[in-house]
Amino acid sequence: MGYIESFNPWDYVIYINLKVFLMTYFVFWFFERVNVVEFFSFSKDLSYLMTMTLSQIFSYKKTFEDFRMAFKSRVISLRDKEKDFIANTFKFFFKKAMRDSKEKALAMRARGFFDSEK
C-alpha cells in the first residue's frame, strides 16, 4: 500500500507520451528515407501485394476526402451532424472493403497467387 501512495501518475503519463512520440517519429523518419515499393522489390509476390495495398490506400483516401468536402459544403452546423457522418462513412468503407476484398481475392487467385506449388 505504501508503494501506491508514493506513486506519481504524471511520471507514467509522461513516459507513455514520450514513448508514443518517439515511435511515431521513427516511423515517419524510416518511411521518409526508404521507398516502400523498392524495399519489397526482392519478391514478386510482396511487390504485387504492396502495389495493390498502396492503390487501395490512395483510392480510399481520395474517397474519404470527397466525402469530407461534400459534408462540409452541405452542412451548416457541423457538430450536429458529425456523429452521423462518421457512422455513415465507417459503414460505407466497411462495406466497400468487404466487396473489394472478395474481388481482389478472386483476381489474385486468377493470377495464381494462392497456388501452394512454388
PDB file of N, CA and C in Angstrom:
ATOM      1  N   MET A   1       0.822  -1.188   0.000  1.00  0.00           N
ATOM      2  CA  MET A   1       0.000   0.000   0.000  1.00  0.00           C
ATOM      3  C   MET A   1       0.862   1.247   0.000  1.00  0.00           C
ATOM      4  N   GLY A   2       2.030   1.172   0.615  1.00  0.00           N
ATOM      5  CA  GLY A   2       2.935   2.314   0.664  1.00  0.00           C
ATOM      6  C   GLY A   2       3.438   2.699  -0.724  1.00  0.00           C
ATOM      7  N   TYR A   3       3.565   1.706  -1.611  1.00  0.00           N
ATOM      8  CA  TYR A   3       4.029   1.987  -2.967  1.00  0.00           C
ATOM      9  C   TYR A   3       2.989   2.788  -3.742  1.00  0.00           C
ATOM     10  N   ILE A   4       1.713   2.445  -3.573  1.00  0.00           N
ATOM     11  CA  ILE A   4       0.645   3.142  -4.282  1.00  0.00           C
ATOM     12  C   ILE A   4       0.535   4.584  -3.804  1.00  0.00           C
ATOM     13  N   GLU A   5       0.717   4.819  -2.533  1.00  0.00           N
ATOM     14  CA  GLU A   5       0.624   6.181  -2.006  1.00  0.00           C
ATOM     15  C   GLU A   5       1.754   7.054  -2.536  1.00  0.00           C
ATOM     16  N   SER A   6       2.919   6.495  -2.780  1.00  0.00           N
ATOM     17  CA  SER A   6       4.044   7.290  -3.263  1.00  0.00           C
ATOM     18  C   SER A   6       4.132   7.304  -4.792  1.00  0.00           C
ATOM     19  N   PHE A   7       3.192   6.679  -5.462  1.00  0.00           N
ATOM     20  CA  PHE A   7       3.197   6.584  -6.917  1.00  0.00           C
ATOM     21  C   PHE A   7       2.732   7.907  -7.516  1.00  0.00           C
ATOM     22  N   ASN A   8       3.526   8.450  -8.415  1.00  0.00           N
ATOM     23  CA  ASN A   8       3.180   9.689  -9.107  1.00  0.00           C
ATOM     24  C   ASN A   8       2.681   9.339 -10.511  1.00  0.00           C
ATOM     25  N   PRO A   9       1.401   9.546 -10.795  1.00  0.00           N
ATOM     26  CA  PRO A   9       0.870   9.150 -12.107  1.00  0.00           C
ATOM     27  C   PRO A   9       1.430   9.991 -13.253  1.00  0.00           C
ATOM     28  N   TRP A  10       1.907  11.174 -12.973  1.00  0.00           N
ATOM     29  CA  TRP A  10       2.424  12.036 -14.040  1.00  0.00           C
ATOM     30  C   TRP A  10       3.697  11.467 -14.653  1.00  0.00           C
ATOM     31  N   ASP A  11       4.481  10.768 -13.875  1.00  0.00           N
ATOM     32  CA  ASP A  11       5.671  10.122 -14.430  1.00  0.00           C
ATOM     33  C   ASP A  11       5.287   9.099 -15.493  1.00  0.00           C
ATOM     34  N   TYR A  12       4.253   8.327 -15.207  1.00  0.00           N
ATOM     35  CA  TYR A  12       3.792   7.317 -16.152  1.00  0.00           C
ATOM     36  C   TYR A  12       3.190   7.965 -17.400  1.00  0.00           C
ATOM     37  N   VAL A  13       2.405   9.017 -17.222  1.00  0.00           N
ATOM     38  CA  VAL A  13       1.795   9.711 -18.359  1.00  0.00           C
ATOM     39  C   VAL A  13       2.883  10.288 -19.261  1.00  0.00           C
ATOM     40  N   ILE A  14       3.876  10.905 -18.680  1.00  0.00           N
ATOM     41  CA  ILE A  14       4.978  11.467 -19.467  1.00  0.00           C
ATOM     42  C   ILE A  14       5.746  10.353 -20.177  1.00  0.00           C
ATOM     43  N   TYR A  15       5.975   9.246 -19.482  1.00  0.00           N
ATOM     44  CA  TYR A  15       6.683   8.104 -20.071  1.00  0.00           C
ATOM     45  C   TYR A  15       5.934   7.561 -21.288  1.00  0.00           C
ATOM     46  N   ILE A  16       4.637   7.346 -21.163  1.00  0.00           N
ATOM     47  CA  ILE A  16       3.844   6.800 -22.273  1.00  0.00           C
ATOM     48  C   ILE A  16       3.801   7.783 -23.437  1.00  0.00           C
ATOM     49  N   ASN A  17       3.585   9.062 -23.165  1.00  0.00           N
ATOM     50  CA  ASN A  17       3.542  10.052 -24.241  1.00  0.00           C
ATOM     51  C   ASN A  17       4.876  10.159 -24.958  1.00  0.00           C
ATOM     52  N   LEU A  18       5.961  10.098 -24.223  1.00  0.00           N
ATOM     53  CA  LEU A  18       7.282  10.135 -24.838  1.00  0.00           C
ATOM     54  C   LEU A  18       7.515   8.904 -25.708  1.00  0.00           C
ATOM     55  N   LYS A  19       7.081   7.770 -25.228  1.00  0.00           N
ATOM     56  CA  LYS A  19       7.221   6.527 -25.987  1.00  0.00           C
ATOM     57  C   LYS A  19       6.435   6.593 -27.304  1.00  0.00           C
ATOM     58  N   VAL A  20       5.198   7.065 -27.249  1.00  0.00           N
ATOM     59  CA  VAL A  20       4.371   7.192 -28.449  1.00  0.00           C
ATOM     60  C   VAL A  20       4.994   8.194 -29.415  1.00  0.00           C
ATOM     61  N   PHE A  21       5.467   9.320 -28.890  1.00  0.00           N
ATOM     62  CA  PHE A  21       6.096  10.330 -29.740  1.00  0.00           C
ATOM     63  C   PHE A  21       7.319   9.758 -30.454  1.00  0.00           C
ATOM     64  N   LEU A  22       8.175   9.063 -29.733  1.00  0.00           N
ATOM     65  CA  LEU A  22       9.381   8.507 -30.349  1.00  0.00           C
ATOM     66  C   LEU A  22       9.063   7.437 -31.390  1.00  0.00           C
ATOM     67  N   MET A  23       8.091   6.585 -31.101  1.00  0.00           N
ATOM     68  CA  MET A  23       7.709   5.562 -32.075  1.00  0.00           C
ATOM     69  C   MET A  23       7.161   6.222 -33.345  1.00  0.00           C
ATOM     70  N   THR A  24       6.319   7.220 -33.194  1.00  0.00           N
ATOM     71  CA  THR A  24       5.762   7.930 -34.342  1.00  0.00           C
ATOM     72  C   THR A  24       6.869   8.627 -35.127  1.00  0.00           C
ATOM     73  N   TYR A  25       7.770   9.277 -34.412  1.00  0.00           N
ATOM     74  CA  TYR A  25       8.884   9.977 -35.062  1.00  0.00           C
ATOM     75  C   TYR A  25       9.723   9.006 -35.885  1.00  0.00           C
ATOM     76  N   PHE A  26      10.075   7.867 -35.313  1.00  0.00           N
ATOM     77  CA  PHE A  26      10.928   6.923 -36.026  1.00  0.00           C
ATOM     78  C   PHE A  26      10.209   6.257 -37.198  1.00  0.00           C
ATOM     79  N   VAL A  27       8.918   6.052 -37.117  1.00  0.00           N
ATOM     80  CA  VAL A  27       8.175   5.515 -38.258  1.00  0.00           C
ATOM     81  C   VAL A  27       8.209   6.512 -39.409  1.00  0.00           C
ATOM     82  N   PHE A  28       7.910   7.784 -39.118  1.00  0.00           N
ATOM     83  CA  PHE A  28       7.967   8.798 -40.174  1.00  0.00           C
ATOM     84  C   PHE A  28       9.395   8.964 -40.702  1.00  0.00           C
ATOM     85  N   TRP A  29      10.373   8.919 -39.830  1.00  0.00           N
ATOM     86  CA  TRP A  29      11.770   9.030 -40.235  1.00  0.00           C
ATOM     87  C   TRP A  29      12.141   7.889 -41.178  1.00  0.00           C
ATOM     88  N   PHE A  30      11.730   6.667 -40.846  1.00  0.00           N
ATOM     89  CA  PHE A  30      12.038   5.497 -41.668  1.00  0.00           C
ATOM     90  C   PHE A  30      11.410   5.614 -43.053  1.00  0.00           C
ATOM     91  N   PHE A  31      10.112   5.945 -43.095  1.00  0.00           N
ATOM     92  CA  PHE A  31       9.427   5.986 -44.382  1.00  0.00           C
ATOM     93  C   PHE A  31       9.810   7.209 -45.210  1.00  0.00           C
ATOM     94  N   GLU A  32      10.416   8.195 -44.582  1.00  0.00           N
ATOM     95  CA  GLU A  32      10.936   9.325 -45.332  1.00  0.00           C
ATOM     96  C   GLU A  32      12.192   8.925 -46.104  1.00  0.00           C
ATOM     97  N   ARG A  33      12.941   8.001 -45.577  1.00  0.00           N
ATOM     98  CA  ARG A  33      14.213   7.616 -46.179  1.00  0.00           C
ATOM     99  C   ARG A  33      14.143   6.337 -47.018  1.00  0.00           C
ATOM    100  N   VAL A  34      13.117   5.554 -46.819  1.00  0.00           N
ATOM    101  CA  VAL A  34      13.021   4.267 -47.513  1.00  0.00           C
ATOM    102  C   VAL A  34      11.811   4.282 -48.445  1.00  0.00           C
ATOM    103  N   ASN A  35      12.047   3.914 -49.685  1.00  0.00           N
ATOM    104  CA  ASN A  35      10.961   3.754 -50.636  1.00  0.00           C
ATOM    105  C   ASN A  35      10.365   2.359 -50.415  1.00  0.00           C
ATOM    106  N   VAL A  36       9.120   2.311 -49.999  1.00  0.00           N
ATOM    107  CA  VAL A  36       8.494   1.049 -49.606  1.00  0.00           C
ATOM    108  C   VAL A  36       8.385   0.091 -50.787  1.00  0.00           C
ATOM    109  N   VAL A  37       8.087   0.615 -51.958  1.00  0.00           N
ATOM    110  CA  VAL A  37       7.960  -0.257 -53.136  1.00  0.00           C
ATOM    111  C   VAL A  37       9.309  -0.891 -53.468  1.00  0.00           C
ATOM    112  N   GLU A  38      10.377  -0.114 -53.414  1.00  0.00           N
ATOM    113  CA  GLU A  38      11.704  -0.677 -53.668  1.00  0.00           C
ATOM    114  C   GLU A  38      12.137  -1.625 -52.547  1.00  0.00           C
ATOM    115  N   PHE A  39      11.698  -1.344 -51.328  1.00  0.00           N
ATOM    116  CA  PHE A  39      12.049  -2.191 -50.194  1.00  0.00           C
ATOM    117  C   PHE A  39      11.526  -3.614 -50.381  1.00  0.00           C
ATOM    118  N   PHE A  40      10.336  -3.757 -50.980  1.00  0.00           N
ATOM    119  CA  PHE A  40       9.738  -5.081 -51.193  1.00  0.00           C
ATOM    120  C   PHE A  40       9.967  -5.607 -52.608  1.00  0.00           C
ATOM    121  N   SER A  41      10.858  -4.994 -53.361  1.00  0.00           N
ATOM    122  CA  SER A  41      11.061  -5.406 -54.749  1.00  0.00           C
ATOM    123  C   SER A  41      11.819  -6.731 -54.890  1.00  0.00           C
ATOM    124  N   PHE A  42      12.389  -7.238 -53.800  1.00  0.00           N
ATOM    125  CA  PHE A  42      13.121  -8.509 -53.879  1.00  0.00           C
ATOM    126  C   PHE A  42      12.186  -9.688 -54.147  1.00  0.00           C
ATOM    127  N   SER A  43      10.895  -9.514 -53.834  1.00  0.00           N
ATOM    128  CA  SER A  43       9.932 -10.593 -54.037  1.00  0.00           C
ATOM    129  C   SER A  43       8.811 -10.118 -54.951  1.00  0.00           C
ATOM    130  N   LYS A  44       8.527 -10.906 -55.963  1.00  0.00           N
ATOM    131  CA  LYS A  44       7.462 -10.545 -56.905  1.00  0.00           C
ATOM    132  C   LYS A  44       6.106 -10.508 -56.195  1.00  0.00           C
ATOM    133  N   ASP A  45       5.857 -11.480 -55.320  1.00  0.00           N
ATOM    134  CA  ASP A  45       4.581 -11.540 -54.613  1.00  0.00           C
ATOM    135  C   ASP A  45       4.414 -10.362 -53.645  1.00  0.00           C
ATOM    136  N   LEU A  46       5.453 -10.053 -52.884  1.00  0.00           N
ATOM    137  CA  LEU A  46       5.367  -8.919 -51.954  1.00  0.00           C
ATOM    138  C   LEU A  46       5.249  -7.595 -52.693  1.00  0.00           C
ATOM    139  N   SER A  47       5.930  -7.477 -53.803  1.00  0.00           N
ATOM    140  CA  SER A  47       5.839  -6.265 -54.609  1.00  0.00           C
ATOM    141  C   SER A  47       4.424  -6.096 -55.158  1.00  0.00           C
ATOM    142  N   TYR A  48       3.825  -7.186 -55.602  1.00  0.00           N
ATOM    143  CA  TYR A  48       2.450  -7.147 -56.102  1.00  0.00           C
ATOM    144  C   TYR A  48       1.482  -6.770 -54.977  1.00  0.00           C
ATOM    145  N   LEU A  49       1.660  -7.367 -53.807  1.00  0.00           N
ATOM    146  CA  LEU A  49       0.807  -7.030 -52.666  1.00  0.00           C
ATOM    147  C   LEU A  49       0.960  -5.566 -52.258  1.00  0.00           C
ATOM    148  N   MET A  50       2.182  -5.075 -52.274  1.00  0.00           N
ATOM    149  CA  MET A  50       2.419  -3.678 -51.909  1.00  0.00           C
ATOM    150  C   MET A  50       1.756  -2.738 -52.906  1.00  0.00           C
ATOM    151  N   THR A  51       1.845  -3.062 -54.168  1.00  0.00           N
ATOM    152  CA  THR A  51       1.208  -2.232 -55.189  1.00  0.00           C
ATOM    153  C   THR A  51      -0.301  -2.213 -55.004  1.00  0.00           C
ATOM    154  N   MET A  52      -0.883  -3.370 -54.744  1.00  0.00           N
ATOM    155  CA  MET A  52      -2.334  -3.427 -54.513  1.00  0.00           C
ATOM    156  C   MET A  52      -2.716  -2.658 -53.259  1.00  0.00           C
ATOM    157  N   THR A  53      -1.937  -2.794 -52.214  1.00  0.00           N
ATOM    158  CA  THR A  53      -2.226  -2.111 -50.954  1.00  0.00           C
ATOM    159  C   THR A  53      -2.148  -0.602 -51.122  1.00  0.00           C
ATOM    160  N   LEU A  54      -1.094  -0.131 -51.759  1.00  0.00           N
ATOM    161  CA  LEU A  54      -0.949   1.313 -51.952  1.00  0.00           C
ATOM    162  C   LEU A  54      -2.045   1.880 -52.837  1.00  0.00           C
ATOM    163  N   SER A  55      -2.425   1.146 -53.879  1.00  0.00           N
ATOM    164  CA  SER A  55      -3.512   1.649 -54.736  1.00  0.00           C
ATOM    165  C   SER A  55      -4.817   1.723 -53.964  1.00  0.00           C
ATOM    166  N   GLN A  56      -5.065   0.753 -53.094  1.00  0.00           N
ATOM    167  CA  GLN A  56      -6.278   0.776 -52.286  1.00  0.00           C
ATOM    168  C   GLN A  56      -6.227   1.921 -51.262  1.00  0.00           C
ATOM    169  N   ILE A  57      -5.083   2.162 -50.658  1.00  0.00           N
ATOM    170  CA  ILE A  57      -4.941   3.260 -49.698  1.00  0.00           C
ATOM    171  C   ILE A  57      -5.228   4.591 -50.372  1.00  0.00           C
ATOM    172  N   PHE A  58      -4.625   4.820 -51.535  1.00  0.00           N
ATOM    173  CA  PHE A  58      -4.832   6.092 -52.224  1.00  0.00           C
ATOM    174  C   PHE A  58      -6.272   6.245 -52.700  1.00  0.00           C
ATOM    175  N   SER A  59      -6.881   5.154 -53.135  1.00  0.00           N
ATOM    176  CA  SER A  59      -8.281   5.198 -53.553  1.00  0.00           C
ATOM    177  C   SER A  59      -9.196   5.546 -52.375  1.00  0.00           C
ATOM    178  N   TYR A  60      -8.978   4.890 -51.237  1.00  0.00           N
ATOM    179  CA  TYR A  60      -9.802   5.164 -50.055  1.00  0.00           C
ATOM    180  C   TYR A  60      -9.566   6.579 -49.541  1.00  0.00           C
ATOM    181  N   LYS A  61      -8.338   7.039 -49.609  1.00  0.00           N
ATOM    182  CA  LYS A  61      -8.028   8.394 -49.157  1.00  0.00           C
ATOM    183  C   LYS A  61      -8.764   9.423 -50.011  1.00  0.00           C
ATOM    184  N   LYS A  62      -8.761   9.230 -51.328  1.00  0.00           N
ATOM    185  CA  LYS A  62      -9.461  10.147 -52.230  1.00  0.00           C
ATOM    186  C   LYS A  62     -10.955  10.116 -51.963  1.00  0.00           C
ATOM    187  N   THR A  63     -11.520   8.952 -51.777  1.00  0.00           N
ATOM    188  CA  THR A  63     -12.946   8.838 -51.492  1.00  0.00           C
ATOM    189  C   THR A  63     -13.303   9.526 -50.183  1.00  0.00           C
ATOM    190  N   PHE A  64     -12.474   9.340 -49.155  1.00  0.00           N
ATOM    191  CA  PHE A  64     -12.737   9.987 -47.876  1.00  0.00           C
ATOM    192  C   PHE A  64     -12.653  11.502 -47.991  1.00  0.00           C
ATOM    193  N   GLU A  65     -11.667  12.000 -48.731  1.00  0.00           N
ATOM    194  CA  GLU A  65     -11.558  13.449 -48.934  1.00  0.00           C
ATOM    195  C   GLU A  65     -12.790  13.988 -49.662  1.00  0.00           C
ATOM    196  N   ASP A  66     -13.288  13.242 -50.638  1.00  0.00           N
ATOM    197  CA  ASP A  66     -14.515  13.649 -51.336  1.00  0.00           C
ATOM    198  C   ASP A  66     -15.695  13.693 -50.369  1.00  0.00           C
ATOM    199  N   PHE A  67     -15.823  12.672 -49.519  1.00  0.00           N
ATOM    200  CA  PHE A  67     -16.901  12.663 -48.517  1.00  0.00           C
ATOM    201  C   PHE A  67     -16.794  13.861 -47.581  1.00  0.00           C
ATOM    202  N   ARG A  68     -15.577  14.119 -47.121  1.00  0.00           N
ATOM    203  CA  ARG A  68     -15.369  15.208 -46.168  1.00  0.00           C
ATOM    204  C   ARG A  68     -15.696  16.562 -46.787  1.00  0.00           C
ATOM    205  N   MET A  69     -15.263  16.779 -48.015  1.00  0.00           N
ATOM    206  CA  MET A  69     -15.553  18.048 -48.688  1.00  0.00           C
ATOM    207  C   MET A  69     -17.049  18.194 -48.961  1.00  0.00           C
ATOM    208  N   ALA A  70     -17.713  17.109 -49.338  1.00  0.00           N
ATOM    209  CA  ALA A  70     -19.159  17.160 -49.568  1.00  0.00           C
ATOM    210  C   ALA A  70     -19.898  17.449 -48.264  1.00  0.00           C
ATOM    211  N   PHE A  71     -19.446  16.856 -47.186  1.00  0.00           N
ATOM    212  CA  PHE A  71     -20.070  17.094 -45.883  1.00  0.00           C
ATOM    213  C   PHE A  71     -19.920  18.552 -45.479  1.00  0.00           C
ATOM    214  N   LYS A  72     -18.733  19.099 -45.623  1.00  0.00           N
ATOM    215  CA  LYS A  72     -18.507  20.496 -45.257  1.00  0.00           C
ATOM    216  C   LYS A  72     -19.308  21.455 -46.120  1.00  0.00           C
ATOM    217  N   SER A  73     -19.479  21.126 -47.389  1.00  0.00           N
ATOM    218  CA  SER A  73     -20.183  22.041 -48.278  1.00  0.00           C
ATOM    219  C   SER A  73     -21.699  21.990 -48.105  1.00  0.00           C
ATOM    220  N   ARG A  74     -22.222  20.904 -47.549  1.00  0.00           N
ATOM    221  CA  ARG A  74     -23.677  20.757 -47.452  1.00  0.00           C
ATOM    222  C   ARG A  74     -24.236  20.983 -46.058  1.00  0.00           C
ATOM    223  N   VAL A  75     -23.387  21.004 -45.051  1.00  0.00           N
ATOM    224  CA  VAL A  75     -23.866  21.100 -43.680  1.00  0.00           C
ATOM    225  C   VAL A  75     -23.403  22.425 -43.072  1.00  0.00           C
ATOM    226  N   ILE A  76     -24.353  23.168 -42.530  1.00  0.00           N
ATOM    227  CA  ILE A  76     -24.013  24.455 -41.918  1.00  0.00           C
ATOM    228  C   ILE A  76     -23.471  24.243 -40.516  1.00  0.00           C
ATOM    229  N   SER A  77     -24.199  23.486 -39.713  1.00  0.00           N
ATOM    230  CA  SER A  77     -23.775  23.215 -38.344  1.00  0.00           C
ATOM    231  C   SER A  77     -23.091  21.847 -38.314  1.00  0.00           C
ATOM    232  N   LEU A  78     -21.762  21.858 -38.336  1.00  0.00           N
ATOM    233  CA  LEU A  78     -21.006  20.607 -38.452  1.00  0.00           C
ATOM    234  C   LEU A  78     -21.146  19.711 -37.228  1.00  0.00           C
ATOM    235  N   ARG A  79     -21.200  20.279 -36.045  1.00  0.00           N
ATOM    236  CA  ARG A  79     -21.235  19.481 -34.809  1.00  0.00           C
ATOM    237  C   ARG A  79     -22.517  18.665 -34.681  1.00  0.00           C
ATOM    238  N   ASP A  80     -23.624  19.169 -35.209  1.00  0.00           N
ATOM    239  CA  ASP A  80     -24.893  18.448 -35.080  1.00  0.00           C
ATOM    240  C   ASP A  80     -24.899  17.150 -35.882  1.00  0.00           C
ATOM    241  N   LYS A  81     -24.298  17.159 -37.037  1.00  0.00           N
ATOM    242  CA  LYS A  81     -24.361  16.003 -37.939  1.00  0.00           C
ATOM    243  C   LYS A  81     -23.067  15.193 -37.979  1.00  0.00           C
ATOM    244  N   GLU A  82     -22.097  15.574 -37.165  1.00  0.00           N
ATOM    245  CA  GLU A  82     -20.794  14.927 -37.238  1.00  0.00           C
ATOM    246  C   GLU A  82     -20.842  13.435 -36.883  1.00  0.00           C
ATOM    247  N   LYS A  83     -21.613  13.078 -35.858  1.00  0.00           N
ATOM    248  CA  LYS A  83     -21.701  11.657 -35.471  1.00  0.00           C
ATOM    249  C   LYS A  83     -22.320  10.818 -36.578  1.00  0.00           C
ATOM    250  N   ASP A  84     -23.364  11.354 -37.218  1.00  0.00           N
ATOM    251  CA  ASP A  84     -23.985  10.629 -38.333  1.00  0.00           C
ATOM    252  C   ASP A  84     -23.004  10.477 -39.492  1.00  0.00           C
ATOM    253  N   PHE A  85     -22.262  11.539 -39.767  1.00  0.00           N
ATOM    254  CA  PHE A  85     -21.282  11.485 -40.847  1.00  0.00           C
ATOM    255  C   PHE A  85     -20.236  10.408 -40.580  1.00  0.00           C
ATOM    256  N   ILE A  86     -19.720  10.373 -39.371  1.00  0.00           N
ATOM    257  CA  ILE A  86     -18.692   9.390 -39.022  1.00  0.00           C
ATOM    258  C   ILE A  86     -19.252   7.973 -39.114  1.00  0.00           C
ATOM    259  N   ALA A  87     -20.452   7.766 -38.587  1.00  0.00           N
ATOM    260  CA  ALA A  87     -21.062   6.431 -38.625  1.00  0.00           C
ATOM    261  C   ALA A  87     -21.336   5.983 -40.062  1.00  0.00           C
ATOM    262  N   ASN A  88     -21.891   6.867 -40.867  1.00  0.00           N
ATOM    263  CA  ASN A  88     -22.201   6.503 -42.250  1.00  0.00           C
ATOM    264  C   ASN A  88     -20.939   6.295 -43.078  1.00  0.00           C
ATOM    265  N   THR A  89     -19.928   7.100 -42.830  1.00  0.00           N
ATOM    266  CA  THR A  89     -18.665   6.925 -43.548  1.00  0.00           C
ATOM    267  C   THR A  89     -18.018   5.598 -43.166  1.00  0.00           C
ATOM    268  N   PHE A  90     -18.046   5.269 -41.877  1.00  0.00           N
ATOM    269  CA  PHE A  90     -17.489   3.992 -41.426  1.00  0.00           C
ATOM    270  C   PHE A  90     -18.226   2.826 -42.080  1.00  0.00           C
ATOM    271  N   LYS A  91     -19.561   2.893 -42.113  1.00  0.00           N
ATOM    272  CA  LYS A  91     -20.343   1.819 -42.753  1.00  0.00           C
ATOM    273  C   LYS A  91     -19.987   1.682 -44.226  1.00  0.00           C
ATOM    274  N   PHE A  92     -19.877   2.830 -44.913  1.00  0.00           N
ATOM    275  CA  PHE A  92     -19.551   2.797 -46.333  1.00  0.00           C
ATOM    276  C   PHE A  92     -18.210   2.119 -46.570  1.00  0.00           C
ATOM    277  N   PHE A  93     -17.174   2.526 -45.819  1.00  0.00           N
ATOM    278  CA  PHE A  93     -15.847   1.957 -46.032  1.00  0.00           C
ATOM    279  C   PHE A  93     -15.784   0.494 -45.617  1.00  0.00           C
ATOM    280  N   PHE A  94     -16.545   0.106 -44.604  1.00  0.00           N
ATOM    281  CA  PHE A  94     -16.571  -1.300 -44.212  1.00  0.00           C
ATOM    282  C   PHE A  94     -17.175  -2.153 -45.324  1.00  0.00           C
ATOM    283  N   LYS A  95     -18.318  -1.706 -45.867  1.00  0.00           N
ATOM    284  CA  LYS A  95     -18.944  -2.452 -46.968  1.00  0.00           C
ATOM    285  C   LYS A  95     -18.050  -2.464 -48.201  1.00  0.00           C
ATOM    286  N   LYS A  96     -17.427  -1.328 -48.493  1.00  0.00           N
ATOM    287  CA  LYS A  96     -16.529  -1.248 -49.649  1.00  0.00           C
ATOM    288  C   LYS A  96     -15.332  -2.176 -49.468  1.00  0.00           C
ATOM    289  N   ALA A  97     -14.793  -2.227 -48.272  1.00  0.00           N
ATOM    290  CA  ALA A  97     -13.651  -3.105 -48.015  1.00  0.00           C
ATOM    291  C   ALA A  97     -14.041  -4.575 -48.188  1.00  0.00           C
ATOM    292  N   MET A  98     -15.222  -4.935 -47.739  1.00  0.00           N
ATOM    293  CA  MET A  98     -15.674  -6.324 -47.890  1.00  0.00           C
ATOM    294  C   MET A  98     -15.853  -6.682 -49.367  1.00  0.00           C
ATOM    295  N   ARG A  99     -16.482  -5.780 -50.133  1.00  0.00           N
ATOM    296  CA  ARG A  99     -16.664  -6.035 -51.568  1.00  0.00           C
ATOM    297  C   ARG A  99     -15.313  -6.096 -52.286  1.00  0.00           C
ATOM    298  N   ASP A 100     -14.460  -5.138 -51.985  1.00  0.00           N
ATOM    299  CA  ASP A 100     -13.158  -5.087 -52.650  1.00  0.00           C
ATOM    300  C   ASP A 100     -12.292  -6.287 -52.294  1.00  0.00           C
ATOM    301  N   SER A 101     -12.382  -6.756 -51.061  1.00  0.00           N
ATOM    302  CA  SER A 101     -11.550  -7.891 -50.670  1.00  0.00           C
ATOM    303  C   SER A 101     -11.947  -9.153 -51.436  1.00  0.00           C
ATOM    304  N   LYS A 102     -13.241  -9.348 -51.629  1.00  0.00           N
ATOM    305  CA  LYS A 102     -13.678 -10.517 -52.406  1.00  0.00           C
ATOM    306  C   LYS A 102     -13.209 -10.412 -53.853  1.00  0.00           C
ATOM    307  N   GLU A 103     -13.336  -9.206 -54.414  1.00  0.00           N
ATOM    308  CA  GLU A 103     -12.925  -9.005 -55.798  1.00  0.00           C
ATOM    309  C   GLU A 103     -11.408  -9.175 -55.961  1.00  0.00           C
ATOM    310  N   LYS A 104     -10.644  -8.631 -55.035  1.00  0.00           N
ATOM    311  CA  LYS A 104      -9.186  -8.737 -55.129  1.00  0.00           C
ATOM    312  C   LYS A 104      -8.712 -10.175 -54.883  1.00  0.00           C
ATOM    313  N   ALA A 105      -9.393 -10.894 -54.013  1.00  0.00           N
ATOM    314  CA  ALA A 105      -9.036 -12.290 -53.779  1.00  0.00           C
ATOM    315  C   ALA A 105      -9.266 -13.125 -55.041  1.00  0.00           C
ATOM    316  N   LEU A 106     -10.366 -12.860 -55.731  1.00  0.00           N
ATOM    317  CA  LEU A 106     -10.614 -13.575 -56.992  1.00  0.00           C
ATOM    318  C   LEU A 106      -9.567 -13.218 -58.043  1.00  0.00           C
ATOM    319  N   ALA A 107      -9.188 -11.942 -58.106  1.00  0.00           N
ATOM    320  CA  ALA A 107      -8.167 -11.527 -59.071  1.00  0.00           C
ATOM    321  C   ALA A 107      -6.821 -12.167 -58.744  1.00  0.00           C
ATOM    322  N   MET A 108      -6.487 -12.232 -57.468  1.00  0.00           N
ATOM    323  CA  MET A 108      -5.220 -12.846 -57.065  1.00  0.00           C
ATOM    324  C   MET A 108      -5.230 -14.349 -57.339  1.00  0.00           C
ATOM    325  N   ARG A 109      -6.353 -14.997 -57.085  1.00  0.00           N
ATOM    326  CA  ARG A 109      -6.458 -16.432 -57.355  1.00  0.00           C
ATOM    327  C   ARG A 109      -6.329 -16.701 -58.855  1.00  0.00           C
ATOM    328  N   ALA A 110      -6.913 -15.823 -59.690  1.00  0.00           N
ATOM    329  CA  ALA A 110      -6.825 -15.994 -61.137  1.00  0.00           C
ATOM    330  C   ALA A 110      -5.387 -15.848 -61.623  1.00  0.00           C
ATOM    331  N   ARG A 111      -4.586 -15.079 -60.912  1.00  0.00           N
ATOM    332  CA  ARG A 111      -3.181 -14.895 -61.280  1.00  0.00           C
ATOM    333  C   ARG A 111      -2.279 -15.941 -60.638  1.00  0.00           C
ATOM    334  N   GLY A 112      -2.866 -16.893 -59.917  1.00  0.00           N
ATOM    335  CA  GLY A 112      -2.094 -17.968 -59.320  1.00  0.00           C
ATOM    336  C   GLY A 112      -1.384 -17.583 -58.038  1.00  0.00           C
ATOM    337  N   PHE A 113      -1.889 -16.581 -57.367  1.00  0.00           N
ATOM    338  CA  PHE A 113      -1.217 -16.095 -56.175  1.00  0.00           C
ATOM    339  C   PHE A 113      -1.335 -17.049 -55.005  1.00  0.00           C
ATOM    340  N   PHE A 114      -2.422 -17.791 -54.917  1.00  0.00           N
ATOM    341  CA  PHE A 114      -2.641 -18.682 -53.782  1.00  0.00           C
ATOM    342  C   PHE A 114      -2.224 -20.119 -54.069  1.00  0.00           C
ATOM    343  N   ASP A 115      -1.553 -20.356 -55.191  1.00  0.00           N
ATOM    344  CA  ASP A 115      -1.093 -21.706 -55.503  1.00  0.00           C
ATOM    345  C   ASP A 115      -0.050 -22.121 -54.476  1.00  0.00           C
ATOM    346  N   SER A 116      -0.184 -23.337 -53.981  1.00  0.00           N
ATOM    347  CA  SER A 116       0.774 -23.816 -52.968  1.00  0.00           C
ATOM    348  C   SER A 116       2.056 -24.337 -53.613  1.00  0.00           C
ATOM    349  N   GLU A 117       2.040 -24.601 -54.900  1.00  0.00           N
ATOM    350  CA  GLU A 117       3.224 -25.111 -55.598  1.00  0.00           C
ATOM    351  C   GLU A 117       4.045 -23.945 -56.117  1.00  0.00           C
ATOM    352  N   LYS A 118       5.140 -23.666 -55.439  1.00  0.00           N
ATOM    353  CA  LYS A 118       6.003 -22.561 -55.903  1.00  0.00           C
ATOM    354  C   LYS A 118       7.429 -22.999 -55.901  1.00  0.00           C
TER     355      LYS A 118
END
